[in-house]
Amino acid sequence: LVKSWNSSLTMQGLRLGSRLLYSISRSKRFQAGSVL
């Protein structure tokens, strides 16, 4: 489950979305989400 979820489109989307939000807000929370 760990492997499949880490490579899933859902987690990839979460990381990508967090990366975009971090580039705008510089929030540590979104920085964490970008590498979760």
PDB file of all heavy atoms in Angstrom:
ATOM      1  N   LEU A   1       0.825  -1.203   0.000  1.00  0.00           N
ATOM      2  CA  LEU A   1       0.000   0.000   0.000  1.00  0.00           C
ATOM      3  C   LEU A   1       0.861   1.257   0.000  1.00  0.00           C
ATOM      4  O   LEU A   1       0.568   2.238  -0.701  1.00  0.00           O
ATOM      5  CB  LEU A   1      -0.920   0.015   1.227  1.00  0.00           C
ATOM      6  CG  LEU A   1      -2.137  -0.906   1.218  1.00  0.00           C
ATOM      7  CD1 LEU A   1      -2.833  -0.885   2.574  1.00  0.00           C
ATOM      8  CD2 LEU A   1      -3.113  -0.505   0.122  1.00  0.00           C
ATOM      9  N   VAL A   2       1.936   1.234   0.785  1.00  0.00           N
ATOM     10  CA  VAL A   2       2.856   2.381   0.845  1.00  0.00           C
ATOM     11  C   VAL A   2       3.424   2.673  -0.539  1.00  0.00           C
ATOM     12  O   VAL A   2       3.432   3.817  -1.005  1.00  0.00           O
ATOM     13  CB  VAL A   2       3.990   2.118   1.859  1.00  0.00           C
ATOM     14  CG1 VAL A   2       5.067   3.196   1.761  1.00  0.00           C
ATOM     15  CG2 VAL A   2       3.439   2.062   3.282  1.00  0.00           C
ATOM     16  N   LYS A   3       3.871   1.622  -1.213  1.00  0.00           N
ATOM     17  CA  LYS A   3       4.476   1.804  -2.536  1.00  0.00           C
ATOM     18  C   LYS A   3       3.457   2.297  -3.557  1.00  0.00           C
ATOM     19  O   LYS A   3       3.736   3.221  -4.338  1.00  0.00           O
ATOM     20  CB  LYS A   3       5.099   0.491  -2.997  1.00  0.00           C
ATOM     21  CG  LYS A   3       6.321   0.072  -2.197  1.00  0.00           C
ATOM     22  CD  LYS A   3       6.779  -1.327  -2.584  1.00  0.00           C
ATOM     23  CE  LYS A   3       7.961  -1.762  -1.732  1.00  0.00           C
ATOM     24  NZ  LYS A   3       8.324  -3.181  -1.968  1.00  0.00           N
ATOM     25  N   SER A   4       2.282   1.679  -3.561  1.00  0.00           N
ATOM     26  CA  SER A   4       1.285   2.061  -4.563  1.00  0.00           C
ATOM     27  C   SER A   4       0.766   3.470  -4.322  1.00  0.00           C
ATOM     28  O   SER A   4       0.564   4.237  -5.272  1.00  0.00           O
ATOM     29  CB  SER A   4       0.130   1.055  -4.581  1.00  0.00           C
ATOM     30  OG  SER A   4      -0.543   1.032  -3.335  1.00  0.00           O
ATOM     31  N   TRP A   5       0.557   3.845  -3.063  1.00  0.00           N
ATOM     32  CA  TRP A   5       0.083   5.187  -2.771  1.00  0.00           C
ATOM     33  C   TRP A   5       1.140   6.243  -3.075  1.00  0.00           C
ATOM     34  O   TRP A   5       0.826   7.319  -3.596  1.00  0.00           O
ATOM     35  CB  TRP A   5      -0.375   5.291  -1.318  1.00  0.00           C
ATOM     36  CG  TRP A   5      -1.810   4.919  -1.125  1.00  0.00           C
ATOM     37  CD1 TRP A   5      -2.307   3.733  -0.671  1.00  0.00           C
ATOM     38  CD2 TRP A   5      -2.949   5.733  -1.406  1.00  0.00           C
ATOM     39  NE1 TRP A   5      -3.668   3.743  -0.641  1.00  0.00           N
ATOM     40  CE2 TRP A   5      -4.100   4.968  -1.090  1.00  0.00           C
ATOM     41  CE3 TRP A   5      -3.109   7.025  -1.903  1.00  0.00           C
ATOM     42  CZ2 TRP A   5      -5.390   5.463  -1.250  1.00  0.00           C
ATOM     43  CZ3 TRP A   5      -4.397   7.522  -2.056  1.00  0.00           C
ATOM     44  CH2 TRP A   5      -5.516   6.753  -1.737  1.00  0.00           C
ATOM     45  N   ASN A   6       2.402   5.947  -2.756  1.00  0.00           N
ATOM     46  CA  ASN A   6       3.460   6.929  -3.020  1.00  0.00           C
ATOM     47  C   ASN A   6       3.609   7.220  -4.509  1.00  0.00           C
ATOM     48  O   ASN A   6       3.994   8.329  -4.898  1.00  0.00           O
ATOM     49  CB  ASN A   6       4.795   6.454  -2.434  1.00  0.00           C
ATOM     50  CG  ASN A   6       4.936   6.796  -0.963  1.00  0.00           C
ATOM     51  OD1 ASN A   6       4.346   7.760  -0.466  1.00  0.00           O
ATOM     52  ND2 ASN A   6       5.720   6.005  -0.248  1.00  0.00           N
ATOM     53  N   SER A   7       3.324   6.223  -5.342  1.00  0.00           N
ATOM     54  CA  SER A   7       3.453   6.413  -6.787  1.00  0.00           C
ATOM     55  C   SER A   7       2.121   6.753  -7.454  1.00  0.00           C
ATOM     56  O   SER A   7       2.052   6.894  -8.676  1.00  0.00           O
ATOM     57  CB  SER A   7       4.039   5.155  -7.435  1.00  0.00           C
ATOM     58  OG  SER A   7       3.205   4.029  -7.209  1.00  0.00           O
ATOM     59  N   SER A   8       1.055   6.879  -6.661  1.00  0.00           N
ATOM     60  CA  SER A   8      -0.272   7.115  -7.211  1.00  0.00           C
ATOM     61  C   SER A   8      -0.418   8.528  -7.767  1.00  0.00           C
ATOM     62  O   SER A   8       0.297   9.455  -7.380  1.00  0.00           O
ATOM     63  CB  SER A   8      -1.336   6.878  -6.134  1.00  0.00           C
ATOM     64  OG  SER A   8      -1.266   7.899  -5.141  1.00  0.00           O
ATOM     65  N   LEU A   9      -1.385   8.685  -8.651  1.00  0.00           N
ATOM     66  CA  LEU A   9      -1.682  10.002  -9.209  1.00  0.00           C
ATOM     67  C   LEU A   9      -2.169  10.963  -8.120  1.00  0.00           C
ATOM     68  O   LEU A   9      -1.910  12.169  -8.182  1.00  0.00           O
ATOM     69  CB  LEU A   9      -2.736   9.870 -10.312  1.00  0.00           C
ATOM     70  CG  LEU A   9      -2.293   9.178 -11.606  1.00  0.00           C
ATOM     71  CD1 LEU A   9      -3.483   9.025 -12.560  1.00  0.00           C
ATOM     72  CD2 LEU A   9      -1.170   9.956 -12.283  1.00  0.00           C
ATOM     73  N   THR A  10      -2.859  10.404  -7.123  1.00  0.00           N
ATOM     74  CA  THR A  10      -3.355  11.239  -6.023  1.00  0.00           C
ATOM     75  C   THR A  10      -2.206  11.901  -5.274  1.00  0.00           C
ATOM     76  O   THR A  10      -2.221  13.120  -5.044  1.00  0.00           O
ATOM     77  CB  THR A  10      -4.188  10.390  -5.040  1.00  0.00           C
ATOM     78  OG1 THR A  10      -5.296   9.825  -5.727  1.00  0.00           O
ATOM     79  CG2 THR A  10      -4.690  11.245  -3.883  1.00  0.00           C
ATOM     80  N   MET A  11      -1.206  11.090  -4.889  1.00  0.00           N
ATOM     81  CA  MET A  11      -0.066  11.653  -4.154  1.00  0.00           C
ATOM     82  C   MET A  11       0.791  12.535  -5.044  1.00  0.00           C
ATOM     83  O   MET A  11       1.333  13.560  -4.593  1.00  0.00           O
ATOM     84  CB  MET A  11       0.764  10.513  -3.552  1.00  0.00           C
ATOM     85  CG  MET A  11       0.072   9.765  -2.428  1.00  0.00           C
ATOM     86  SD  MET A  11      -0.389  10.814  -1.023  1.00  0.00           S
ATOM     87  CE  MET A  11       1.246  11.266  -0.409  1.00  0.00           C
ATOM     88  N   GLN A  12       0.949  12.157  -6.308  1.00  0.00           N
ATOM     89  CA  GLN A  12       1.697  13.012  -7.222  1.00  0.00           C
ATOM     90  C   GLN A  12       1.011  14.373  -7.361  1.00  0.00           C
ATOM     91  O   GLN A  12       1.671  15.418  -7.390  1.00  0.00           O
ATOM     92  CB  GLN A  12       1.820  12.341  -8.592  1.00  0.00           C
ATOM     93  CG  GLN A  12       2.731  11.116  -8.608  1.00  0.00           C
ATOM     94  CD  GLN A  12       2.804  10.464  -9.973  1.00  0.00           C
ATOM     95  OE1 GLN A  12       2.888  11.144 -10.989  1.00  0.00           O
ATOM     96  NE2 GLN A  12       2.755   9.134  -9.998  1.00  0.00           N
ATOM     97  N   GLY A  13      -0.321  14.339  -7.448  1.00  0.00           N
ATOM     98  CA  GLY A  13      -1.071  15.585  -7.545  1.00  0.00           C
ATOM     99  C   GLY A  13      -0.958  16.422  -6.287  1.00  0.00           C
ATOM    100  O   GLY A  13      -0.845  17.657  -6.353  1.00  0.00           O
ATOM    101  N   LEU A  14      -0.981  15.743  -5.127  1.00  0.00           N
ATOM    102  CA  LEU A  14      -0.838  16.468  -3.857  1.00  0.00           C
ATOM    103  C   LEU A  14       0.523  17.149  -3.778  1.00  0.00           C
ATOM    104  O   LEU A  14       0.626  18.316  -3.371  1.00  0.00           O
ATOM    105  CB  LEU A  14      -1.026  15.492  -2.695  1.00  0.00           C
ATOM    106  CG  LEU A  14      -1.077  16.081  -1.283  1.00  0.00           C
ATOM    107  CD1 LEU A  14      -1.971  15.232  -0.388  1.00  0.00           C
ATOM    108  CD2 LEU A  14       0.306  16.203  -0.650  1.00  0.00           C
ATOM    109  N   ARG A  15       1.572  16.422  -4.182  1.00  0.00           N
ATOM    110  CA  ARG A  15       2.920  17.008  -4.133  1.00  0.00           C
ATOM    111  C   ARG A  15       3.051  18.166  -5.121  1.00  0.00           C
ATOM    112  O   ARG A  15       3.645  19.205  -4.797  1.00  0.00           O
ATOM    113  CB  ARG A  15       3.972  15.927  -4.402  1.00  0.00           C
ATOM    114  CG  ARG A  15       4.140  14.931  -3.255  1.00  0.00           C
ATOM    115  CD  ARG A  15       5.351  14.044  -3.445  1.00  0.00           C
ATOM    116  NE  ARG A  15       5.124  13.010  -4.428  1.00  0.00           N
ATOM    117  CZ  ARG A  15       4.724  11.765  -4.158  1.00  0.00           C
ATOM    118  NH1 ARG A  15       4.496  11.410  -2.903  1.00  0.00           N
ATOM    119  NH2 ARG A  15       4.550  10.879  -5.111  1.00  0.00           N
ATOM    120  N   LEU A  16       2.498  17.988  -6.321  1.00  0.00           N
ATOM    121  CA  LEU A  16       2.581  19.045  -7.331  1.00  0.00           C
ATOM    122  C   LEU A  16       1.801  20.283  -6.886  1.00  0.00           C
ATOM    123  O   LEU A  16       2.300  21.421  -6.989  1.00  0.00           O
ATOM    124  CB  LEU A  16       2.032  18.539  -8.672  1.00  0.00           C
ATOM    125  CG  LEU A  16       1.980  19.575  -9.819  1.00  0.00           C
ATOM    126  CD1 LEU A  16       3.378  20.112 -10.116  1.00  0.00           C
ATOM    127  CD2 LEU A  16       1.360  18.948 -11.065  1.00  0.00           C
ATOM    128  N   GLY A  17       0.598  20.058  -6.374  1.00  0.00           N
ATOM    129  CA  GLY A  17      -0.205  21.181  -5.900  1.00  0.00           C
ATOM    130  C   GLY A  17       0.479  21.923  -4.769  1.00  0.00           C
ATOM    131  O   GLY A  17       0.473  23.164  -4.716  1.00  0.00           O
ATOM    132  N   SER A  18       1.069  21.168  -3.865  1.00  0.00           N
ATOM    133  CA  SER A  18       1.784  21.781  -2.741  1.00  0.00           C
ATOM    134  C   SER A  18       2.983  22.584  -3.229  1.00  0.00           C
ATOM    135  O   SER A  18       3.288  23.662  -2.706  1.00  0.00           O
ATOM    136  CB  SER A  18       2.238  20.703  -1.750  1.00  0.00           C
ATOM    137  OG  SER A  18       1.139  20.032  -1.182  1.00  0.00           O
ATOM    138  N   ARG A  19       3.669  22.055  -4.245  1.00  0.00           N
ATOM    139  CA  ARG A  19       4.830  22.754  -4.791  1.00  0.00           C
ATOM    140  C   ARG A  19       4.420  24.101  -5.385  1.00  0.00           C
ATOM    141  O   ARG A  19       5.093  25.121  -5.191  1.00  0.00           O
ATOM    142  CB  ARG A  19       5.501  21.865  -5.843  1.00  0.00           C
ATOM    143  CG  ARG A  19       6.922  22.296  -6.217  1.00  0.00           C
ATOM    144  CD  ARG A  19       7.577  21.261  -7.130  1.00  0.00           C
ATOM    145  NE  ARG A  19       7.630  19.955  -6.503  1.00  0.00           N
ATOM    146  CZ  ARG A  19       7.102  18.849  -7.015  1.00  0.00           C
ATOM    147  NH1 ARG A  19       6.466  18.889  -8.186  1.00  0.00           N
ATOM    148  NH2 ARG A  19       7.197  17.707  -6.387  1.00  0.00           N
ATOM    149  N   LEU A  20       3.297  24.106  -6.089  1.00  0.00           N
ATOM    150  CA  LEU A  20       2.809  25.357  -6.694  1.00  0.00           C
ATOM    151  C   LEU A  20       2.388  26.352  -5.615  1.00  0.00           C
ATOM    152  O   LEU A  20       2.703  27.543  -5.696  1.00  0.00           O
ATOM    153  CB  LEU A  20       1.633  25.054  -7.622  1.00  0.00           C
ATOM    154  CG  LEU A  20       1.955  24.263  -8.897  1.00  0.00           C
ATOM    155  CD1 LEU A  20       0.672  23.871  -9.627  1.00  0.00           C
ATOM    156  CD2 LEU A  20       2.872  25.067  -9.815  1.00  0.00           C
ATOM    157  N   LEU A  21       1.696  25.850  -4.588  1.00  0.00           N
ATOM    158  CA  LEU A  21       1.260  26.727  -3.502  1.00  0.00           C
ATOM    159  C   LEU A  21       2.448  27.267  -2.714  1.00  0.00           C
ATOM    160  O   LEU A  21       2.437  28.418  -2.255  1.00  0.00           O
ATOM    161  CB  LEU A  21       0.299  25.975  -2.575  1.00  0.00           C
ATOM    162  CG  LEU A  21      -1.080  25.674  -3.173  1.00  0.00           C
ATOM    163  CD1 LEU A  21      -1.858  24.719  -2.274  1.00  0.00           C
ATOM    164  CD2 LEU A  21      -1.868  26.976  -3.362  1.00  0.00           C
ATOM    165  N   TYR A  22       3.476  26.432  -2.572  1.00  0.00           N
ATOM    166  CA  TYR A  22       4.678  26.891  -1.863  1.00  0.00           C
ATOM    167  C   TYR A  22       5.383  28.000  -2.641  1.00  0.00           C
ATOM    168  O   TYR A  22       5.889  28.974  -2.056  1.00  0.00           O
ATOM    169  CB  TYR A  22       5.640  25.729  -1.624  1.00  0.00           C
ATOM    170  CG  TYR A  22       6.971  26.172  -1.045  1.00  0.00           C
ATOM    171  CD1 TYR A  22       7.045  26.669   0.252  1.00  0.00           C
ATOM    172  CD2 TYR A  22       8.141  26.098  -1.794  1.00  0.00           C
ATOM    173  CE1 TYR A  22       8.248  27.095   0.791  1.00  0.00           C
ATOM    174  CE2 TYR A  22       9.353  26.519  -1.260  1.00  0.00           C
ATOM    175  CZ  TYR A  22       9.405  27.012   0.026  1.00  0.00           C
ATOM    176  OH  TYR A  22      10.599  27.441   0.551  1.00  0.00           O
ATOM    177  N   SER A  23       5.416  27.872  -3.972  1.00  0.00           N
ATOM    178  CA  SER A  23       6.073  28.900  -4.789  1.00  0.00           C
ATOM    179  C   SER A  23       5.379  30.252  -4.659  1.00  0.00           C
ATOM    180  O   SER A  23       6.001  31.300  -4.833  1.00  0.00           O
ATOM    181  CB  SER A  23       6.090  28.460  -6.257  1.00  0.00           C
ATOM    182  OG  SER A  23       4.775  28.433  -6.796  1.00  0.00           O
ATOM    183  N   ILE A  24       4.082  30.216  -4.312  1.00  0.00           N
ATOM    184  CA  ILE A  24       3.330  31.458  -4.156  1.00  0.00           C
ATOM    185  C   ILE A  24       3.400  31.972  -2.714  1.00  0.00           C
ATOM    186  O   ILE A  24       3.654  33.149  -2.468  1.00  0.00           O
ATOM    187  CB  ILE A  24       1.852  31.234  -4.555  1.00  0.00           C
ATOM    188  CG1 ILE A  24       1.752  30.844  -6.025  1.00  0.00           C
ATOM    189  CG2 ILE A  24       1.020  32.490  -4.275  1.00  0.00           C
ATOM    190  CD1 ILE A  24       0.372  30.355  -6.442  1.00  0.00           C
ATOM    191  N   SER A  25       3.177  31.066  -1.777  1.00  0.00           N
ATOM    192  CA  SER A  25       3.030  31.481  -0.374  1.00  0.00           C
ATOM    193  C   SER A  25       4.305  31.390   0.448  1.00  0.00           C
ATOM    194  O   SER A  25       4.413  32.033   1.495  1.00  0.00           O
ATOM    195  CB  SER A  25       1.962  30.622   0.307  1.00  0.00           C
ATOM    196  OG  SER A  25       2.399  29.271   0.418  1.00  0.00           O
ATOM    197  N   ARG A  26       5.252  30.534   0.026  1.00  0.00           N
ATOM    198  CA  ARG A  26       6.477  30.217   0.794  1.00  0.00           C
ATOM    199  C   ARG A  26       6.136  29.620   2.158  1.00  0.00           C
ATOM    200  O   ARG A  26       6.921  29.718   3.104  1.00  0.00           O
ATOM    201  CB  ARG A  26       7.370  31.453   0.975  1.00  0.00           C
ATOM    202  CG  ARG A  26       7.617  32.258  -0.289  1.00  0.00           C
ATOM    203  CD  ARG A  26       8.087  31.407  -1.450  1.00  0.00           C
ATOM    204  NE  ARG A  26       9.429  30.859  -1.265  1.00  0.00           N
ATOM    205  CZ  ARG A  26      10.028  30.054  -2.136  1.00  0.00           C
ATOM    206  NH1 ARG A  26       9.387  29.679  -3.236  1.00  0.00           N
ATOM    207  NH2 ARG A  26      11.248  29.616  -1.905  1.00  0.00           N
ATOM    208  N   SER A  27       4.995  28.984   2.248  1.00  0.00           N
ATOM    209  CA  SER A  27       4.566  28.358   3.499  1.00  0.00           C
ATOM    210  C   SER A  27       5.303  27.040   3.709  1.00  0.00           C
ATOM    211  O   SER A  27       5.382  26.212   2.803  1.00  0.00           O
ATOM    212  CB  SER A  27       3.052  28.100   3.468  1.00  0.00           C
ATOM    213  OG  SER A  27       2.670  27.195   4.477  1.00  0.00           O
ATOM    214  N   LYS A  28       5.816  26.830   4.927  1.00  0.00           N
ATOM    215  CA  LYS A  28       6.505  25.580   5.235  1.00  0.00           C
ATOM    216  C   LYS A  28       5.571  24.382   5.122  1.00  0.00           C
ATOM    217  O   LYS A  28       5.999  23.283   4.808  1.00  0.00           O
ATOM    218  CB  LYS A  28       7.092  25.642   6.652  1.00  0.00           C
ATOM    219  CG  LYS A  28       8.286  26.579   6.789  1.00  0.00           C
ATOM    220  CD  LYS A  28       8.819  26.536   8.204  1.00  0.00           C
ATOM    221  CE  LYS A  28      10.022  27.459   8.368  1.00  0.00           C
ATOM    222  NZ  LYS A  28      10.517  27.449   9.766  1.00  0.00           N
ATOM    223  N   ARG A  29       4.294  24.632   5.395  1.00  0.00           N
ATOM    224  CA  ARG A  29       3.315  23.541   5.310  1.00  0.00           C
ATOM    225  C   ARG A  29       3.240  23.006   3.882  1.00  0.00           C
ATOM    226  O   ARG A  29       3.230  21.797   3.650  1.00  0.00           O
ATOM    227  CB  ARG A  29       1.947  24.032   5.769  1.00  0.00           C
ATOM    228  CG  ARG A  29       0.879  22.951   5.805  1.00  0.00           C
ATOM    229  CD  ARG A  29      -0.371  23.450   6.510  1.00  0.00           C
ATOM    230  NE  ARG A  29      -1.372  22.402   6.568  1.00  0.00           N
ATOM    231  CZ  ARG A  29      -2.561  22.458   5.966  1.00  0.00           C
ATOM    232  NH1 ARG A  29      -2.901  23.522   5.255  1.00  0.00           N
ATOM    233  NH2 ARG A  29      -3.425  21.463   6.091  1.00  0.00           N
ATOM    234  N   PHE A  30       3.209  23.901   2.906  1.00  0.00           N
ATOM    235  CA  PHE A  30       3.155  23.467   1.512  1.00  0.00           C
ATOM    236  C   PHE A  30       4.509  22.933   1.046  1.00  0.00           C
ATOM    237  O   PHE A  30       4.571  22.044   0.198  1.00  0.00           O
ATOM    238  CB  PHE A  30       2.680  24.614   0.623  1.00  0.00           C
ATOM    239  CG  PHE A  30       1.260  25.009   0.870  1.00  0.00           C
ATOM    240  CD1 PHE A  30       0.920  26.327   1.146  1.00  0.00           C
ATOM    241  CD2 PHE A  30       0.252  24.063   0.861  1.00  0.00           C
ATOM    242  CE1 PHE A  30      -0.392  26.692   1.393  1.00  0.00           C
ATOM    243  CE2 PHE A  30      -1.073  24.411   1.108  1.00  0.00           C
ATOM    244  CZ  PHE A  30      -1.387  25.730   1.376  1.00  0.00           C
ATOM    245  N   GLN A  31       5.589  23.460   1.625  1.00  0.00           N
ATOM    246  CA  GLN A  31       6.912  22.916   1.306  1.00  0.00           C
ATOM    247  C   GLN A  31       6.993  21.458   1.752  1.00  0.00           C
ATOM    248  O   GLN A  31       7.521  20.606   1.032  1.00  0.00           O
ATOM    249  CB  GLN A  31       8.005  23.734   1.992  1.00  0.00           C
ATOM    250  CG  GLN A  31       9.426  23.288   1.638  1.00  0.00           C
ATOM    251  CD  GLN A  31      10.484  24.070   2.383  1.00  0.00           C
ATOM    252  OE1 GLN A  31      10.180  24.834   3.304  1.00  0.00           O
ATOM    253  NE2 GLN A  31      11.728  23.901   2.000  1.00  0.00           N
ATOM    254  N   ALA A  32       6.444  21.184   2.930  1.00  0.00           N
ATOM    255  CA  ALA A  32       6.410  19.811   3.432  1.00  0.00           C
ATOM    256  C   ALA A  32       5.563  18.934   2.520  1.00  0.00           C
ATOM    257  O   ALA A  32       5.934  17.801   2.189  1.00  0.00           O
ATOM    258  CB  ALA A  32       5.871  19.781   4.856  1.00  0.00           C
ATOM    259  N   GLY A  33       4.414  19.434   2.100  1.00  0.00           N
ATOM    260  CA  GLY A  33       3.534  18.673   1.220  1.00  0.00           C
ATOM    261  C   GLY A  33       4.166  18.351  -0.119  1.00  0.00           C
ATOM    262  O   GLY A  33       3.860  17.327  -0.738  1.00  0.00           O
ATOM    263  N   SER A  34       5.093  19.195  -0.576  1.00  0.00           N
ATOM    264  CA  SER A  34       5.711  18.999  -1.885  1.00  0.00           C
ATOM    265  C   SER A  34       6.671  17.812  -1.911  1.00  0.00           C
ATOM    266  O   SER A  34       7.017  17.313  -2.987  1.00  0.00           O
ATOM    267  CB  SER A  34       6.455  20.270  -2.316  1.00  0.00           C
ATOM    268  OG  SER A  34       7.596  20.495  -1.506  1.00  0.00           O
ATOM    269  N   VAL A  35       7.113  17.357  -0.729  1.00  0.00           N
ATOM    270  CA  VAL A  35       8.035  16.208  -0.671  1.00  0.00           C
ATOM    271  C   VAL A  35       7.452  15.071   0.168  1.00  0.00           C
ATOM    272  O   VAL A  35       8.164  14.141   0.540  1.00  0.00           O
ATOM    273  CB  VAL A  35       9.415  16.623  -0.109  1.00  0.00           C
ATOM    274  CG1 VAL A  35      10.116  17.589  -1.045  1.00  0.00           C
ATOM    275  CG2 VAL A  35       9.279  17.235   1.290  1.00  0.00           C
ATOM    276  N   LEU A  36       6.157  15.153   0.470  1.00  0.00           N
ATOM    277  CA  LEU A  36       5.526  14.171   1.356  1.00  0.00           C
ATOM    278  C   LEU A  36       5.541  12.772   0.751  1.00  0.00           C
ATOM    279  O   LEU A  36       5.126  12.565  -0.382  1.00  0.00           O
ATOM    280  CB  LEU A  36       4.084  14.588   1.631  1.00  0.00           C
ATOM    281  CG  LEU A  36       3.272  13.659   2.544  1.00  0.00           C
ATOM    282  CD1 LEU A  36       3.866  13.646   3.944  1.00  0.00           C
ATOM    283  CD2 LEU A  36       1.815  14.103   2.590  1.00  0.00           C
TER     284      LEU A  36
END
